[in-house]
Structure formats: structure tokens, C-alpha cells
Amino acid sequence: MHKQIFVNLAVKDLDKSKAFFTALGFSFDPRFTNDQAASLIIAENNIYAMLMTEDFFRTFTPKTLVDARTSTEVLLCLSCESQEETDALVARAVAAGGTVPHPPEDHGFMYSYGFEDLDGHNWGLAYMRSMPA
């Protein structure tokens, strides 16, 4: 059974992307971080995003890279512990240069909000109050 996930994302400027996610409170695994890629720790020992320079990313696929500012290649969603944590993370993302693609949504059982990072990757955030019946 699978125990970890590594989401690979192409970024234009690795140093700026690292600074952006550091401002949000995330850290990087130095064992898998160099001048071509950075291993963003989302959940210790379970969930990672590999931020890869576009040139390095291209070595893994013959397909054309998607410009996440004009097209969507993936929608990422992270769970949060509370509505306050969700709002605070979006606020830190905006302060670090990210954008908000839509206003927060309250569905009763779930509160969702999100941000786009410096490269336009869409990071959804969700706080589940309770499961719908």
C-alpha cells in the first residue's frame, strides 16, 4: 500500500518559490533539495511537493509544460484544523505574493478557501466541520 505522495510542480524561479512557501510556514527536506528542485514538506513523512525548475521538470516528460497562470494542470487541496487556520494561511500566501482565485465558501459542513502560488498553482484549503449526511 502507498504511504507517501510526492506531487511534482514546475516553477519558474526556485528561490522565489522556496521563499514563498517558507513565508507560509512550510519547510524543505535538505536531502532532496538542490539548485534544480526543492522538497516541500507538507506533512512530515507523508506528503511532499517537489518544486522543480522548468528545465529540470522537462527531463521527466516529453509533454509540453502547462502554464498554471493560464491553464489548470491540477487542483491541490490541503486539509486544515480550523476555519481560522484556513484564513491565516491564505493571508500569509497573499502577503508573500500569492493571489486569491475566489472568495471563501462556507458549505455548512465544510469551509473552503485557497490561494494561487507565484506560478499560478491552485492550492485549495478545506476545514471539514462534519461529514455531510
N, C-alpha and C. Protein backbone atom coordinates (compact mmCIF):
# COMPACT_ATOMS: atom_id res chain seq x y z
N MET A 1 0.84 -1.18 0.00
CA MET A 1 0.00 0.00 0.00
C MET A 1 0.88 1.24 0.00
N HIS A 2 0.46 2.26 -0.67
CA HIS A 2 1.22 3.51 -0.76
C HIS A 2 1.15 4.26 0.57
N LYS A 3 2.27 4.82 0.97
CA LYS A 3 2.34 5.51 2.25
C LYS A 3 2.72 6.98 2.14
N GLN A 4 3.17 7.40 0.96
CA GLN A 4 3.57 8.78 0.76
C GLN A 4 3.09 9.26 -0.60
N ILE A 5 3.08 10.59 -0.76
CA ILE A 5 2.79 11.16 -2.07
C ILE A 5 3.78 12.30 -2.32
N PHE A 6 4.30 12.35 -3.53
CA PHE A 6 5.17 13.42 -3.98
C PHE A 6 4.51 14.05 -5.20
N VAL A 7 4.02 15.26 -5.06
CA VAL A 7 3.42 15.99 -6.16
C VAL A 7 4.53 16.83 -6.78
N ASN A 8 4.73 16.71 -8.08
CA ASN A 8 5.79 17.44 -8.76
C ASN A 8 5.20 18.65 -9.48
N LEU A 9 5.76 19.83 -9.20
CA LEU A 9 5.28 21.07 -9.79
C LEU A 9 6.43 21.83 -10.42
N ALA A 10 6.24 22.29 -11.64
CA ALA A 10 7.25 23.11 -12.31
C ALA A 10 7.13 24.54 -11.80
N VAL A 11 8.28 25.17 -11.53
CA VAL A 11 8.31 26.56 -11.08
C VAL A 11 9.31 27.35 -11.91
N LYS A 12 9.02 28.61 -12.09
CA LYS A 12 9.90 29.47 -12.89
C LYS A 12 11.15 29.88 -12.12
N ASP A 13 11.02 30.22 -10.84
CA ASP A 13 12.14 30.69 -10.03
C ASP A 13 12.12 29.92 -8.71
N LEU A 14 13.01 28.95 -8.58
CA LEU A 14 13.02 28.06 -7.42
C LEU A 14 13.26 28.83 -6.12
N ASP A 15 14.19 29.77 -6.13
CA ASP A 15 14.47 30.53 -4.90
C ASP A 15 13.26 31.34 -4.45
N LYS A 16 12.56 31.97 -5.38
CA LYS A 16 11.35 32.74 -5.03
C LYS A 16 10.25 31.81 -4.52
N SER A 17 10.11 30.64 -5.13
CA SER A 17 9.10 29.68 -4.68
C SER A 17 9.43 29.18 -3.28
N LYS A 18 10.69 28.90 -3.01
CA LYS A 18 11.09 28.47 -1.67
C LYS A 18 10.79 29.56 -0.64
N ALA A 19 11.09 30.80 -0.98
CA ALA A 19 10.82 31.91 -0.06
C ALA A 19 9.32 32.05 0.18
N PHE A 20 8.51 31.89 -0.87
CA PHE A 20 7.06 31.97 -0.76
C PHE A 20 6.54 30.94 0.24
N PHE A 21 6.90 29.68 0.05
CA PHE A 21 6.37 28.63 0.92
C PHE A 21 6.97 28.69 2.32
N THR A 22 8.18 29.19 2.46
CA THR A 22 8.75 29.40 3.79
C THR A 22 7.94 30.46 4.53
N ALA A 23 7.51 31.51 3.82
CA ALA A 23 6.68 32.56 4.44
C ALA A 23 5.33 32.02 4.90
N LEU A 24 4.88 30.92 4.29
CA LEU A 24 3.61 30.30 4.70
C LEU A 24 3.81 29.36 5.88
N GLY A 25 5.05 29.14 6.30
CA GLY A 25 5.32 28.28 7.45
C GLY A 25 5.78 26.88 7.09
N PHE A 26 5.98 26.60 5.81
CA PHE A 26 6.44 25.28 5.39
C PHE A 26 7.97 25.22 5.43
N SER A 27 8.50 24.02 5.43
CA SER A 27 9.95 23.84 5.38
C SER A 27 10.29 22.86 4.27
N PHE A 28 11.59 22.66 4.05
CA PHE A 28 12.07 21.81 2.96
C PHE A 28 13.00 20.74 3.50
N ASP A 29 12.96 19.58 2.87
CA ASP A 29 13.85 18.48 3.23
C ASP A 29 15.17 18.70 2.50
N PRO A 30 16.25 19.03 3.22
CA PRO A 30 17.52 19.33 2.55
C PRO A 30 18.11 18.14 1.80
N ARG A 31 17.72 16.91 2.16
CA ARG A 31 18.23 15.73 1.46
C ARG A 31 17.80 15.69 0.01
N PHE A 32 16.66 16.32 -0.30
CA PHE A 32 16.12 16.28 -1.66
C PHE A 32 15.95 17.69 -2.23
N THR A 33 16.82 18.58 -1.82
CA THR A 33 16.77 19.96 -2.27
C THR A 33 18.13 20.38 -2.80
N ASN A 34 18.12 20.95 -4.00
CA ASN A 34 19.35 21.47 -4.60
C ASN A 34 18.99 22.66 -5.48
N ASP A 35 19.83 23.00 -6.45
CA ASP A 35 19.54 24.15 -7.30
C ASP A 35 18.53 23.85 -8.39
N GLN A 36 18.10 22.58 -8.53
CA GLN A 36 17.12 22.20 -9.55
C GLN A 36 15.74 21.88 -8.98
N ALA A 37 15.69 21.50 -7.71
CA ALA A 37 14.43 21.09 -7.10
C ALA A 37 14.49 21.28 -5.59
N ALA A 38 13.32 21.42 -5.00
CA ALA A 38 13.21 21.55 -3.55
C ALA A 38 12.05 20.71 -3.06
N SER A 39 12.32 19.92 -2.03
CA SER A 39 11.31 19.02 -1.47
C SER A 39 10.53 19.74 -0.37
N LEU A 40 9.36 20.26 -0.73
CA LEU A 40 8.49 20.97 0.20
C LEU A 40 7.77 19.96 1.09
N ILE A 41 7.95 20.09 2.39
CA ILE A 41 7.31 19.17 3.34
C ILE A 41 5.93 19.72 3.67
N ILE A 42 4.91 18.98 3.28
CA ILE A 42 3.53 19.38 3.57
C ILE A 42 3.05 18.68 4.84
N ALA A 43 3.31 17.39 4.95
CA ALA A 43 3.03 16.62 6.16
C ALA A 43 4.21 15.69 6.38
N GLU A 44 4.89 15.86 7.49
CA GLU A 44 6.12 15.12 7.78
C GLU A 44 5.97 13.63 7.50
N ASN A 45 6.86 13.10 6.67
CA ASN A 45 6.94 11.69 6.31
C ASN A 45 5.79 11.18 5.45
N ASN A 46 4.90 12.06 4.98
CA ASN A 46 3.74 11.58 4.20
C ASN A 46 3.51 12.33 2.90
N ILE A 47 3.50 13.65 2.96
CA ILE A 47 3.08 14.43 1.79
C ILE A 47 4.15 15.47 1.47
N TYR A 48 4.59 15.46 0.20
CA TYR A 48 5.62 16.38 -0.26
C TYR A 48 5.21 16.95 -1.62
N ALA A 49 5.69 18.14 -1.89
CA ALA A 49 5.61 18.68 -3.24
C ALA A 49 7.04 18.94 -3.68
N MET A 50 7.40 18.41 -4.81
CA MET A 50 8.71 18.66 -5.38
C MET A 50 8.58 19.87 -6.29
N LEU A 51 9.17 20.98 -5.87
CA LEU A 51 9.17 22.19 -6.69
C LEU A 51 10.40 22.08 -7.59
N MET A 52 10.17 21.99 -8.90
CA MET A 52 11.26 21.75 -9.84
C MET A 52 11.38 22.89 -10.83
N THR A 53 12.61 23.29 -11.12
CA THR A 53 12.80 24.28 -12.17
C THR A 53 12.18 23.71 -13.45
N GLU A 54 11.70 24.58 -14.30
CA GLU A 54 11.05 24.11 -15.53
C GLU A 54 11.99 23.24 -16.37
N ASP A 55 13.26 23.63 -16.48
CA ASP A 55 14.21 22.83 -17.27
C ASP A 55 14.37 21.43 -16.69
N PHE A 56 14.47 21.33 -15.37
CA PHE A 56 14.61 20.02 -14.73
C PHE A 56 13.33 19.21 -14.88
N PHE A 57 12.19 19.85 -14.70
CA PHE A 57 10.89 19.18 -14.84
C PHE A 57 10.76 18.55 -16.23
N ARG A 58 11.23 19.27 -17.24
CA ARG A 58 11.14 18.77 -18.63
C ARG A 58 11.92 17.47 -18.85
N THR A 59 12.89 17.17 -17.99
CA THR A 59 13.64 15.93 -18.16
C THR A 59 12.81 14.70 -17.78
N PHE A 60 11.65 14.92 -17.17
CA PHE A 60 10.79 13.82 -16.74
C PHE A 60 9.61 13.56 -17.67
N THR A 61 9.40 14.43 -18.65
CA THR A 61 8.25 14.27 -19.53
C THR A 61 8.54 14.87 -20.91
N PRO A 62 8.05 14.21 -21.95
CA PRO A 62 8.19 14.80 -23.29
C PRO A 62 7.06 15.78 -23.62
N LYS A 63 6.07 15.86 -22.74
CA LYS A 63 4.91 16.72 -23.00
C LYS A 63 5.23 18.19 -22.73
N THR A 64 4.46 19.06 -23.33
CA THR A 64 4.58 20.50 -23.11
C THR A 64 4.13 20.83 -21.70
N LEU A 65 4.89 21.69 -21.03
CA LEU A 65 4.50 22.11 -19.69
C LEU A 65 3.31 23.06 -19.76
N VAL A 66 2.44 22.95 -18.81
CA VAL A 66 1.28 23.82 -18.70
C VAL A 66 1.70 25.09 -17.97
N ASP A 67 1.25 26.23 -18.45
CA ASP A 67 1.43 27.49 -17.73
C ASP A 67 0.25 27.59 -16.77
N ALA A 68 0.51 27.37 -15.49
CA ALA A 68 -0.57 27.32 -14.49
C ALA A 68 -1.27 28.65 -14.30
N ARG A 69 -0.74 29.72 -14.88
CA ARG A 69 -1.42 31.02 -14.79
C ARG A 69 -2.53 31.13 -15.81
N THR A 70 -2.47 30.33 -16.88
CA THR A 70 -3.48 30.40 -17.93
C THR A 70 -4.25 29.10 -18.12
N SER A 71 -3.70 28.00 -17.63
CA SER A 71 -4.34 26.69 -17.75
C SER A 71 -4.24 25.98 -16.41
N THR A 72 -5.10 25.00 -16.20
CA THR A 72 -5.05 24.24 -14.95
C THR A 72 -4.56 22.84 -15.23
N GLU A 73 -3.49 22.45 -14.55
CA GLU A 73 -2.98 21.10 -14.71
C GLU A 73 -3.36 20.23 -13.53
N VAL A 74 -3.64 20.84 -12.38
CA VAL A 74 -4.00 20.10 -11.18
C VAL A 74 -4.63 21.07 -10.18
N LEU A 75 -5.53 20.57 -9.36
CA LEU A 75 -6.06 21.33 -8.23
C LEU A 75 -5.59 20.61 -6.97
N LEU A 76 -4.80 21.28 -6.19
CA LEU A 76 -4.30 20.71 -4.94
C LEU A 76 -5.21 21.13 -3.81
N CYS A 77 -5.43 20.26 -2.84
CA CYS A 77 -6.27 20.63 -1.70
C CYS A 77 -5.63 20.07 -0.43
N LEU A 78 -5.46 20.94 0.56
CA LEU A 78 -4.91 20.54 1.85
C LEU A 78 -5.98 20.71 2.92
N SER A 79 -6.03 19.79 3.85
CA SER A 79 -6.97 19.92 4.97
C SER A 79 -6.38 20.85 6.01
N CYS A 80 -7.24 21.56 6.71
CA CYS A 80 -6.84 22.46 7.78
C CYS A 80 -7.58 22.07 9.05
N GLU A 81 -7.02 22.49 10.20
CA GLU A 81 -7.60 22.15 11.50
C GLU A 81 -8.78 23.03 11.88
N SER A 82 -8.89 24.21 11.26
CA SER A 82 -9.95 25.15 11.63
C SER A 82 -10.15 26.16 10.51
N GLN A 83 -11.26 26.89 10.58
CA GLN A 83 -11.51 27.97 9.64
C GLN A 83 -10.45 29.06 9.82
N GLU A 84 -10.05 29.31 11.06
CA GLU A 84 -9.05 30.33 11.34
C GLU A 84 -7.70 29.97 10.70
N GLU A 85 -7.33 28.69 10.77
CA GLU A 85 -6.08 28.26 10.14
C GLU A 85 -6.15 28.45 8.63
N THR A 86 -7.29 28.13 8.05
CA THR A 86 -7.51 28.30 6.62
C THR A 86 -7.33 29.77 6.22
N ASP A 87 -8.01 30.66 6.92
CA ASP A 87 -7.93 32.09 6.63
C ASP A 87 -6.51 32.62 6.82
N ALA A 88 -5.84 32.17 7.88
CA ALA A 88 -4.49 32.65 8.18
C ALA A 88 -3.50 32.22 7.10
N LEU A 89 -3.64 31.00 6.60
CA LEU A 89 -2.74 30.51 5.56
C LEU A 89 -2.94 31.29 4.26
N VAL A 90 -4.19 31.60 3.92
CA VAL A 90 -4.46 32.41 2.73
C VAL A 90 -3.87 33.80 2.92
N ALA A 91 -4.03 34.38 4.10
CA ALA A 91 -3.48 35.71 4.36
C ALA A 91 -1.96 35.72 4.22
N ARG A 92 -1.29 34.68 4.72
CA ARG A 92 0.18 34.60 4.59
C ARG A 92 0.57 34.44 3.12
N ALA A 93 -0.21 33.66 2.37
CA ALA A 93 0.08 33.48 0.95
C ALA A 93 -0.02 34.80 0.20
N VAL A 94 -1.05 35.57 0.47
CA VAL A 94 -1.23 36.87 -0.19
C VAL A 94 -0.09 37.81 0.20
N ALA A 95 0.27 37.83 1.48
CA ALA A 95 1.36 38.70 1.93
C ALA A 95 2.69 38.32 1.28
N ALA A 96 2.85 37.05 0.90
CA ALA A 96 4.09 36.57 0.28
C ALA A 96 4.06 36.68 -1.24
N GLY A 97 2.98 37.23 -1.81
CA GLY A 97 2.91 37.43 -3.25
C GLY A 97 1.94 36.55 -4.00
N GLY A 98 1.22 35.69 -3.29
CA GLY A 98 0.22 34.84 -3.93
C GLY A 98 -1.06 35.61 -4.20
N THR A 99 -1.99 34.97 -4.87
CA THR A 99 -3.27 35.60 -5.18
C THR A 99 -4.40 34.69 -4.70
N VAL A 100 -5.59 35.27 -4.60
CA VAL A 100 -6.79 34.54 -4.19
C VAL A 100 -7.69 34.37 -5.40
N PRO A 101 -7.92 33.14 -5.87
CA PRO A 101 -8.71 32.93 -7.09
C PRO A 101 -10.21 33.09 -6.91
N HIS A 102 -10.70 32.94 -5.68
CA HIS A 102 -12.13 33.09 -5.41
C HIS A 102 -12.34 33.34 -3.92
N PRO A 103 -13.48 33.91 -3.56
CA PRO A 103 -13.74 34.17 -2.13
C PRO A 103 -13.95 32.86 -1.37
N PRO A 104 -13.87 32.92 -0.04
CA PRO A 104 -14.11 31.71 0.75
C PRO A 104 -15.54 31.20 0.54
N GLU A 105 -15.70 29.90 0.71
CA GLU A 105 -17.02 29.28 0.54
C GLU A 105 -17.36 28.50 1.80
N ASP A 106 -18.53 28.75 2.35
CA ASP A 106 -18.99 28.04 3.53
C ASP A 106 -20.15 27.15 3.12
N HIS A 107 -19.93 25.84 3.18
CA HIS A 107 -20.95 24.87 2.78
C HIS A 107 -21.63 24.24 4.00
N GLY A 108 -21.46 24.85 5.15
CA GLY A 108 -22.06 24.30 6.38
C GLY A 108 -21.15 23.25 6.98
N PHE A 109 -21.05 22.10 6.34
CA PHE A 109 -20.20 21.01 6.83
C PHE A 109 -18.73 21.25 6.51
N MET A 110 -18.45 22.16 5.54
CA MET A 110 -17.09 22.39 5.10
C MET A 110 -16.88 23.86 4.76
N TYR A 111 -15.73 24.37 5.17
CA TYR A 111 -15.31 25.72 4.83
C TYR A 111 -14.11 25.59 3.90
N SER A 112 -14.14 26.28 2.78
CA SER A 112 -13.01 26.19 1.85
C SER A 112 -12.57 27.57 1.40
N TYR A 113 -11.30 27.67 1.14
CA TYR A 113 -10.66 28.90 0.71
C TYR A 113 -9.40 28.46 -0.01
N GLY A 114 -8.64 29.34 -0.55
CA GLY A 114 -7.41 28.91 -1.19
C GLY A 114 -6.62 30.06 -1.78
N PHE A 115 -5.50 29.70 -2.38
CA PHE A 115 -4.62 30.69 -2.98
C PHE A 115 -3.92 30.09 -4.20
N GLU A 116 -3.40 30.97 -5.02
CA GLU A 116 -2.51 30.55 -6.11
C GLU A 116 -1.11 30.99 -5.74
N ASP A 117 -0.13 30.09 -5.93
CA ASP A 117 1.25 30.44 -5.60
C ASP A 117 1.85 31.32 -6.70
N LEU A 118 3.13 31.59 -6.62
CA LEU A 118 3.78 32.51 -7.55
C LEU A 118 3.71 32.04 -9.00
N ASP A 119 3.58 30.72 -9.21
CA ASP A 119 3.50 30.17 -10.57
C ASP A 119 2.08 29.91 -11.02
N GLY A 120 1.09 30.24 -10.19
CA GLY A 120 -0.31 30.05 -10.55
C GLY A 120 -0.88 28.71 -10.17
N HIS A 121 -0.11 27.86 -9.47
CA HIS A 121 -0.65 26.58 -9.00
C HIS A 121 -1.72 26.86 -7.95
N ASN A 122 -2.87 26.20 -8.09
CA ASN A 122 -4.02 26.44 -7.24
C ASN A 122 -3.98 25.52 -6.02
N TRP A 123 -3.86 26.11 -4.83
CA TRP A 123 -3.83 25.39 -3.56
C TRP A 123 -5.14 25.65 -2.82
N GLY A 124 -6.03 24.67 -2.82
CA GLY A 124 -7.27 24.77 -2.07
C GLY A 124 -7.02 24.37 -0.62
N LEU A 125 -7.76 24.97 0.28
CA LEU A 125 -7.68 24.65 1.71
C LEU A 125 -9.08 24.34 2.18
N ALA A 126 -9.23 23.30 2.98
CA ALA A 126 -10.57 22.91 3.43
C ALA A 126 -10.54 22.55 4.91
N TYR A 127 -11.52 23.08 5.63
CA TYR A 127 -11.76 22.70 7.01
C TYR A 127 -13.09 21.97 7.05
N MET A 128 -13.05 20.69 7.41
CA MET A 128 -14.26 19.87 7.47
C MET A 128 -14.83 19.92 8.89
N ARG A 129 -15.98 20.56 9.02
CA ARG A 129 -16.64 20.64 10.32
C ARG A 129 -17.27 19.28 10.69
N SER A 130 -17.92 18.69 9.72
CA SER A 130 -18.54 17.38 9.88
C SER A 130 -18.82 16.82 8.50
N MET A 131 -18.99 15.56 8.42
CA MET A 131 -19.28 14.93 7.13
C MET A 131 -20.76 15.10 6.80
N PRO A 132 -21.07 15.36 5.54
CA PRO A 132 -22.49 15.52 5.15
C PRO A 132 -23.23 14.20 5.33
N ALA A 133 -24.50 14.31 5.60
CA ALA A 133 -25.33 13.11 5.82
C ALA A 133 -25.68 12.46 4.49
